[in-house]
C-alpha atoms as a PDB file:
ATOM      1  CA  MET A   1      -4.388 -12.219  16.690  1.00  0.00           C
ATOM      2  CA  ALA A   2      -0.875 -11.687  18.082  1.00  0.00           C
ATOM      3  CA  LYS A   3       1.914 -11.124  15.627  1.00  0.00           C
ATOM      4  CA  LYS A   4       4.008 -14.196  15.099  1.00  0.00           C
ATOM      5  CA  GLN A   5       7.540 -13.774  16.617  1.00  0.00           C
ATOM      6  CA  LYS A   6      10.430 -13.392  14.347  1.00  0.00           C
ATOM      7  CA  TYR A   7      14.134 -13.791  14.727  1.00  0.00           C
ATOM      8  CA  TYR A   8      16.430 -11.755  12.680  1.00  0.00           C
ATOM      9  CA  VAL A   9      20.132 -12.954  11.857  1.00  0.00           C
ATOM     10  CA  VAL A  10      22.622 -10.351  11.083  1.00  0.00           C
ATOM     11  CA  TRP A  11      25.800 -11.896   9.596  1.00  0.00           C
ATOM     12  CA  THR A  12      27.308  -8.455   8.492  1.00  0.00           C
ATOM     13  CA  GLY A  13      26.314  -5.217  10.358  1.00  0.00           C
ATOM     14  CA  ARG A  14      27.345  -2.950  13.063  1.00  0.00           C
ATOM     15  CA  LYS A  15      26.902  -5.911  15.714  1.00  0.00           C
ATOM     16  CA  PRO A  16      26.287  -9.285  14.263  1.00  0.00           C
ATOM     17  CA  GLY A  17      24.029 -11.546  16.106  1.00  0.00           C
ATOM     18  CA  ILE A  18      20.374 -12.651  16.513  1.00  0.00           C
ATOM     19  CA  TYR A  19      17.764 -10.164  17.109  1.00  0.00           C
ATOM     20  CA  THR A  20      14.091 -10.644  18.135  1.00  0.00           C
ATOM     21  CA  ASN A  21      12.406  -7.542  16.674  1.00  0.00           C
ATOM     22  CA  TRP A  22      12.888  -5.591  13.373  1.00  0.00           C
ATOM     23  CA  GLU A  23      13.901  -2.183  15.176  1.00  0.00           C
ATOM     24  CA  GLU A  24      16.992  -3.744  16.660  1.00  0.00           C
ATOM     25  CA  CYS A  25      17.873  -5.525  13.446  1.00  0.00           C
ATOM     26  CA  SER A  26      17.519  -2.437  11.549  1.00  0.00           C
ATOM     27  CA  ALA A  27      19.610  -0.440  13.743  1.00  0.00           C
ATOM     28  CA  GLN A  28      22.563  -2.946  12.976  1.00  0.00           C
ATOM     29  CA  VAL A  29      22.097  -2.960   9.143  1.00  0.00           C
ATOM     30  CA  THR A  30      20.469   0.249   7.994  1.00  0.00           C
ATOM     31  CA  GLY A  31      23.120   2.260   6.054  1.00  0.00           C
ATOM     32  CA  TYR A  32      25.876  -0.339   6.824  1.00  0.00           C
ATOM     33  CA  PRO A  33      28.002  -1.148   3.888  1.00  0.00           C
ATOM     34  CA  GLY A  34      27.611  -4.804   2.636  1.00  0.00           C
ATOM     35  CA  GLN A  35      24.957  -5.564   5.355  1.00  0.00           C
ATOM     36  CA  ALA A  36      23.613  -9.282   5.247  1.00  0.00           C
ATOM     37  CA  TYR A  37      20.608 -10.267   7.279  1.00  0.00           C
ATOM     38  CA  LYS A  38      17.497 -12.631   7.136  1.00  0.00           C
ATOM     39  CA  SER A  39      14.469 -13.308   9.251  1.00  0.00           C
ATOM     40  CA  PHE A  40      13.600 -16.776  10.607  1.00  0.00           C
ATOM     41  CA  GLU A  41      10.313 -18.368  12.247  1.00  0.00           C
ATOM     42  CA  SER A  42      12.194 -19.873  15.100  1.00  0.00           C
ATOM     43  CA  ARG A  43      15.219 -19.303  17.464  1.00  0.00           C
ATOM     44  CA  ASP A  44      16.560 -22.791  16.666  1.00  0.00           C
ATOM     45  CA  ALA A  45      16.483 -21.920  13.016  1.00  0.00           C
ATOM     46  CA  ALA A  46      18.075 -18.591  13.648  1.00  0.00           C
ATOM     47  CA  GLU A  47      20.892 -19.965  15.775  1.00  0.00           C
ATOM     48  CA  LYS A  48      21.744 -22.757  13.043  1.00  0.00           C
ATOM     49  CA  ALA A  49      21.671 -20.006  10.539  1.00  0.00           C
ATOM     50  CA  TYR A  50      23.987 -17.808  12.463  1.00  0.00           C
ATOM     51  CA  ARG A  51      26.542 -20.501  12.514  1.00  0.00           C
ATOM     52  CA  GLY A  52      26.580 -20.547   8.758  1.00  0.00           C
ATOM     53  CA  THR A  53      26.846 -17.758   6.268  1.00  0.00           C
ATOM     54  CA  TYR A  54      24.298 -15.433   4.465  1.00  0.00           C
ATOM     55  CA  GLU A  55      24.990 -17.127   1.240  1.00  0.00           C
ATOM     56  CA  ASP A  56      23.811 -20.467   2.721  1.00  0.00           C
ATOM     57  CA  TYR A  57      20.498 -19.013   3.668  1.00  0.00           C
ATOM     58  CA  MET A  58      19.914 -16.513   0.773  1.00  0.00           C
ATOM     59  CA  GLY A  59      16.611 -17.465  -0.932  1.00  0.00           C
ATOM     60  CA  GLN A  60      16.145 -20.623   1.201  1.00  0.00           C
ATOM     61  CA  HIS A  61      12.627 -21.758   0.685  1.00  0.00           C
ATOM     62  CA  VAL A  62      10.410 -24.800   0.810  1.00  0.00           C
ATOM     63  CA  SER A  63       8.434 -24.642  -2.307  1.00  0.00           C
ATOM     64  CA  ASN A  64       4.964 -26.330  -2.848  1.00  0.00           C
ATOM     65  CA  LEU A  65       5.511 -26.529  -6.642  1.00  0.00           C
ATOM     66  CA  SER A  66       6.159 -29.765  -8.332  1.00  0.00           C
ATOM     67  CA  PRO A  67       9.719 -30.866  -9.396  1.00  0.00           C
ATOM     68  CA  GLN A  68       8.542 -30.349 -12.918  1.00  0.00           C
ATOM     69  CA  GLN A  69       7.382 -26.815 -12.186  1.00  0.00           C
ATOM     70  CA  LEU A  70      10.584 -25.770 -10.494  1.00  0.00           C
ATOM     71  CA  LEU A  71      12.446 -27.321 -13.440  1.00  0.00           C
ATOM     72  CA  GLU A  72      10.622 -25.149 -15.889  1.00  0.00           C
ATOM     73  CA  ILE A  73      11.136 -22.134 -13.741  1.00  0.00           C
ATOM     74  CA  GLY A  74      14.839 -22.772 -13.328  1.00  0.00           C
ATOM     75  CA  LYS A  75      17.196 -20.900 -10.940  1.00  0.00           C
ATOM     76  CA  PRO A  76      17.554 -16.943 -10.588  1.00  0.00           C
ATOM     77  CA  ILE A  77      20.314 -15.356 -12.307  1.00  0.00           C
ATOM     78  CA  LEU A  78      22.772 -14.514  -9.261  1.00  0.00           C
ATOM     79  CA  ALA A  79      24.729 -11.984 -11.340  1.00  0.00           C
ATOM     80  CA  SER A  80      21.722  -9.399 -11.092  1.00  0.00           C
ATOM     81  CA  TYR A  81      20.139  -6.981  -8.895  1.00  0.00           C
ATOM     82  CA  SER A  82      16.952  -7.181  -6.831  1.00  0.00           C
ATOM     83  CA  VAL A  83      14.721  -4.497  -5.677  1.00  0.00           C
ATOM     84  CA  ASP A  84      11.858  -4.523  -3.048  1.00  0.00           C
ATOM     85  CA  ALA A  85       9.677  -2.229  -1.213  1.00  0.00           C
ATOM     86  CA  ALA A  86       8.201  -2.081   2.239  1.00  0.00           C
ATOM     87  CA  CYS A  87       5.173  -0.187   3.308  1.00  0.00           C
ATOM     88  CA  ALA A  88       3.567   0.003   6.699  1.00  0.00           C
ATOM     89  CA  GLY A  89      -0.033   0.214   5.600  1.00  0.00           C
ATOM     90  CA  ASN A  90      -1.757   0.786   2.285  1.00  0.00           C
ATOM     91  CA  PRO A  91      -0.961   3.732   1.954  1.00  0.00           C
ATOM     92  CA  GLY A  92       1.583   4.212   4.632  1.00  0.00           C
ATOM     93  CA  PRO A  93       5.384   5.034   5.282  1.00  0.00           C
ATOM     94  CA  LEU A  94       7.238   3.661   2.089  1.00  0.00           C
ATOM     95  CA  GLU A  95      10.853   2.536   1.804  1.00  0.00           C
ATOM     96  CA  TYR A  96      12.491   0.838  -1.187  1.00  0.00           C
ATOM     97  CA  ARG A  97      16.011  -0.575  -1.778  1.00  0.00           C
ATOM     98  CA  CYS A  98      18.352  -2.482  -4.297  1.00  0.00           C
ATOM     99  CA  VAL A  99      20.825  -5.273  -3.458  1.00  0.00           C
ATOM    100  CA  TYR A 100      23.104  -7.360  -5.461  1.00  0.00           C
ATOM    101  CA  THR A 101      21.224 -10.508  -5.780  1.00  0.00           C
ATOM    102  CA  GLU A 102      24.116 -13.063  -5.077  1.00  0.00           C
ATOM    103  CA  THR A 103      25.579 -11.411  -1.899  1.00  0.00           C
ATOM    104  CA  GLY A 104      22.749  -9.180  -0.592  1.00  0.00           C
ATOM    105  CA  ARG A 105      25.080  -6.194  -0.647  1.00  0.00           C
ATOM    106  CA  GLU A 106      22.922  -3.105  -0.425  1.00  0.00           C
ATOM    107  CA  ILE A 107      23.320  -0.685  -3.359  1.00  0.00           C
ATOM    108  CA  PHE A 108      20.825   1.981  -2.330  1.00  0.00           C
ATOM    109  CA  LYS A 109      17.877   2.565   0.131  1.00  0.00           C
ATOM    110  CA  GLN A 110      15.489   5.341  -0.001  1.00  0.00           C
ATOM    111  CA  GLY A 111      12.745   6.570   2.474  1.00  0.00           C
ATOM    112  CA  PRO A 112      10.747   6.470   4.433  1.00  0.00           C
ATOM    113  CA  PHE A 113       8.238   8.513   2.385  1.00  0.00           C
ATOM    114  CA  GLU A 114       4.801   9.410   3.784  1.00  0.00           C
ATOM    115  CA  ARG A 115       1.749   7.777   2.437  1.00  0.00           C
ATOM    116  CA  GLY A 116       2.972   5.506  -0.415  1.00  0.00           C
ATOM    117  CA  THR A 117       2.205   2.064  -1.548  1.00  0.00           C
ATOM    118  CA  ASN A 118       4.273  -1.093  -2.262  1.00  0.00           C
ATOM    119  CA  ASN A 119       3.728  -0.926  -6.067  1.00  0.00           C
ATOM    120  CA  ILE A 120       4.929   2.777  -6.032  1.00  0.00           C
ATOM    121  CA  GLY A 121       7.930   1.753  -4.162  1.00  0.00           C
ATOM    122  CA  GLU A 122       8.849  -1.192  -6.601  1.00  0.00           C
ATOM    123  CA  PHE A 123       8.226   1.103  -9.420  1.00  0.00           C
ATOM    124  CA  LEU A 124      10.578   3.754  -8.185  1.00  0.00           C
ATOM    125  CA  ALA A 125      13.179   1.208  -7.106  1.00  0.00           C
ATOM    126  CA  ILE A 126      13.435  -0.255 -10.708  1.00  0.00           C
ATOM    127  CA  VAL A 127      13.675   3.216 -12.259  1.00  0.00           C
ATOM    128  CA  HIS A 128      16.211   4.287  -9.599  1.00  0.00           C
ATOM    129  CA  ALA A 129      18.371   1.292 -10.497  1.00  0.00           C
ATOM    130  CA  LEU A 130      18.098   1.753 -14.250  1.00  0.00           C
ATOM    131  CA  ALA A 131      19.006   5.503 -13.803  1.00  0.00           C
ATOM    132  CA  LEU A 132      22.052   4.527 -11.559  1.00  0.00           C
ATOM    133  CA  PHE A 133      23.167   1.711 -13.821  1.00  0.00           C
ATOM    134  CA  LYS A 134      23.058   3.335 -17.152  1.00  0.00           C
ATOM    135  CA  PRO A 135      26.013   5.765 -16.876  1.00  0.00           C
ATOM    136  CA  GLN A 136      28.071   2.919 -15.566  1.00  0.00           C
ATOM    137  CA  GLY A 137      27.455   0.831 -18.419  1.00  0.00           C
ATOM    138  CA  ILE A 138      25.922  -1.863 -16.134  1.00  0.00           C
ATOM    139  CA  THR A 139      23.354  -3.993 -18.035  1.00  0.00           C
ATOM    140  CA  LEU A 140      22.834  -6.906 -15.621  1.00  0.00           C
ATOM    141  CA  PRO A 141      19.175  -7.940 -14.952  1.00  0.00           C
ATOM    142  CA  ILE A 142      17.084  -6.379 -12.444  1.00  0.00           C
ATOM    143  CA  TYR A 143      14.481  -8.576 -10.416  1.00  0.00           C
ATOM    144  CA  SER A 144      11.197  -7.362  -8.879  1.00  0.00           C
ATOM    145  CA  ASP A 145       8.511  -9.300  -7.357  1.00  0.00           C
ATOM    146  CA  SER A 146       5.791  -7.007  -8.461  1.00  0.00           C
ATOM    147  CA  GLU A 147       4.228  -7.700 -11.698  1.00  0.00           C
ATOM    148  CA  ASN A 148       2.505  -4.306 -11.570  1.00  0.00           C
ATOM    149  CA  ALA A 149       5.581  -2.338 -11.186  1.00  0.00           C
ATOM    150  CA  ILE A 150       7.386  -4.236 -13.872  1.00  0.00           C
ATOM    151  CA  SER A 151       4.440  -3.497 -16.323  1.00  0.00           C
ATOM    152  CA  TRP A 152       4.525   0.162 -15.291  1.00  0.00           C
ATOM    153  CA  VAL A 153       8.157   0.386 -16.268  1.00  0.00           C
ATOM    154  CA  GLN A 154       7.528  -1.180 -19.470  1.00  0.00           C
ATOM    155  CA  GLU A 155       4.544   1.108 -20.169  1.00  0.00           C
ATOM    156  CA  LYS A 156       6.654   4.062 -18.790  1.00  0.00           C
ATOM    157  CA  LYS A 157       3.864   5.196 -16.477  1.00  0.00           C
ATOM    158  CA  CYS A 158       3.085   4.729 -12.817  1.00  0.00           C
ATOM    159  CA  LYS A 159      -0.556   3.776 -12.892  1.00  0.00           C
ATOM    160  CA  THR A 160      -1.214   4.040  -9.292  1.00  0.00           C
ATOM    161  CA  ASN A 161      -4.765   4.825  -8.019  1.00  0.00           C
ATOM    162  CA  LEU A 162      -3.305   6.636  -5.137  1.00  0.00           C
ATOM    163  CA  GLN A 163      -4.241  10.378  -4.883  1.00  0.00           C
ATOM    164  CA  PRO A 164      -1.573  13.035  -4.282  1.00  0.00           C
ATOM    165  CA  ASP A 165      -1.896  15.147  -1.225  1.00  0.00           C
ATOM    166  CA  ASP A 166       0.381  17.270   0.913  1.00  0.00           C
ATOM    167  CA  ARG A 167       1.889  14.389   2.715  1.00  0.00           C
ATOM    168  CA  ASN A 168       2.981  12.492  -0.486  1.00  0.00           C
ATOM    169  CA  ALA A 169       3.989  15.369  -2.501  1.00  0.00           C
ATOM    170  CA  THR A 170       7.766  14.344  -2.352  1.00  0.00           C
ATOM    171  CA  LEU A 171       6.741  10.837  -3.553  1.00  0.00           C
ATOM    172  CA  PHE A 172       4.643  12.143  -6.480  1.00  0.00           C
ATOM    173  CA  ASP A 173       7.746  14.416  -7.545  1.00  0.00           C
ATOM    174  CA  LEU A 174       9.802  11.237  -7.653  1.00  0.00           C
ATOM    175  CA  ILE A 175       7.061   9.487  -9.728  1.00  0.00           C
ATOM    176  CA  ALA A 176       7.080  12.393 -12.157  1.00  0.00           C
ATOM    177  CA  ARG A 177      10.878  12.427 -12.414  1.00  0.00           C
ATOM    178  CA  ALA A 178      10.828   8.603 -12.990  1.00  0.00           C
ATOM    179  CA  GLU A 179       8.387   8.784 -15.869  1.00  0.00           C
ATOM    180  CA  LYS A 180      10.352  11.505 -17.378  1.00  0.00           C
ATOM    181  CA  TRP A 181      13.421   9.431 -17.205  1.00  0.00           C
ATOM    182  CA  LEU A 182      11.734   6.518 -18.809  1.00  0.00           C
ATOM    183  CA  ALA A 183      10.339   8.713 -21.542  1.00  0.00           C
ATOM    184  CA  GLY A 184      13.812  10.000 -22.361  1.00  0.00           C
ATOM    185  CA  ASN A 185      15.989   7.005 -22.077  1.00  0.00           C
ATOM    186  CA  GLU A 186      16.757   3.537 -23.320  1.00  0.00           C
ATOM    187  CA  TYR A 187      18.324   0.854 -21.075  1.00  0.00           C
ATOM    188  CA  GLY A 188      19.817  -2.635 -21.612  1.00  0.00           C
ATOM    189  CA  ASN A 189      18.800  -4.237 -18.388  1.00  0.00           C
ATOM    190  CA  PRO A 190      16.303  -7.059 -18.456  1.00  0.00           C
ATOM    191  CA  ILE A 191      13.495  -6.284 -15.966  1.00  0.00           C
ATOM    192  CA  LEU A 192      12.771  -9.984 -14.561  1.00  0.00           C
ATOM    193  CA  LYS A 193       9.850 -11.273 -12.260  1.00  0.00           C
ATOM    194  CA  TRP A 194      11.255 -12.805  -9.194  1.00  0.00           C
ATOM    195  CA  GLU A 195       9.628 -16.195  -8.820  1.00  0.00           C
ATOM    196  CA  THR A 196       8.686 -16.097  -5.048  1.00  0.00           C
ATOM    197  CA  GLU A 197       6.873 -19.379  -4.883  1.00  0.00           C
ATOM    198  CA  ALA A 198       9.910 -21.156  -6.509  1.00  0.00           C
ATOM    199  CA  TRP A 199      12.785 -19.274  -4.946  1.00  0.00           C
ATOM    200  CA  GLY A 200      11.641 -17.626  -1.612  1.00  0.00           C
ATOM    201  CA  GLU A 201      11.661 -14.134  -0.617  1.00  0.00           C
ATOM    202  CA  ILE A 202      13.433 -11.818  -2.892  1.00  0.00           C
ATOM    203  CA  PRO A 203      17.064 -10.937  -1.573  1.00  0.00           C
ATOM    204  CA  ALA A 204      16.101  -7.306  -1.351  1.00  0.00           C
ATOM    205  CA  ASP A 205      13.196  -8.089   0.865  1.00  0.00           C
ATOM    206  CA  PHE A 206      13.081  -6.003   4.068  1.00  0.00           C
ATOM    207  CA  GLY A 207      12.564  -9.076   6.346  1.00  0.00           C
ATOM    208  CA  ARG A 208       9.510  -7.516   8.196  1.00  0.00           C
ATOM    209  CA  LYS A 209       6.757 -10.084   7.051  1.00  0.00           C
END
């Protein structure tokens, strides 16, 4: 089955515009301070979005949940941070990043690391954010859409089934450092589940789906 065409709107990047593949979009936003972008299913939707602002479309989503369910879930806390991971395969090349939820401003991005998994990336992203924010006294919530990663952080242990080898040695070194940090530190940031079905893709999403 052919991969469905995506259209990527770059509002803030090296060259704002509409791009038809991730590689071109990535070249505009990767490492660019305050980058803002989002993927769309059609060119018409992308062109309409480009005439607006990133804030207009952040988290835009048509939910299948009932009004009562949406009411019970509520809205995300915009004064927060969001993390996500992208893995080309399972296992495969892994990246992870953190953004400020309300604006999509990128706080950090790491990778690619060879032979990783999404759950490992989400776990490392959460701990990276915690370790970064603690000395700054930042205690805002951190959202992740991975229940596994959230539970691993709470249990202070990355419970991956992935086996270490020469290709992912760097990744497993990061895991060991993250587990050591969790064992020796307390933190004040609530770690919250991003409700994708109600709110759409998490703001830190890499837009490659």
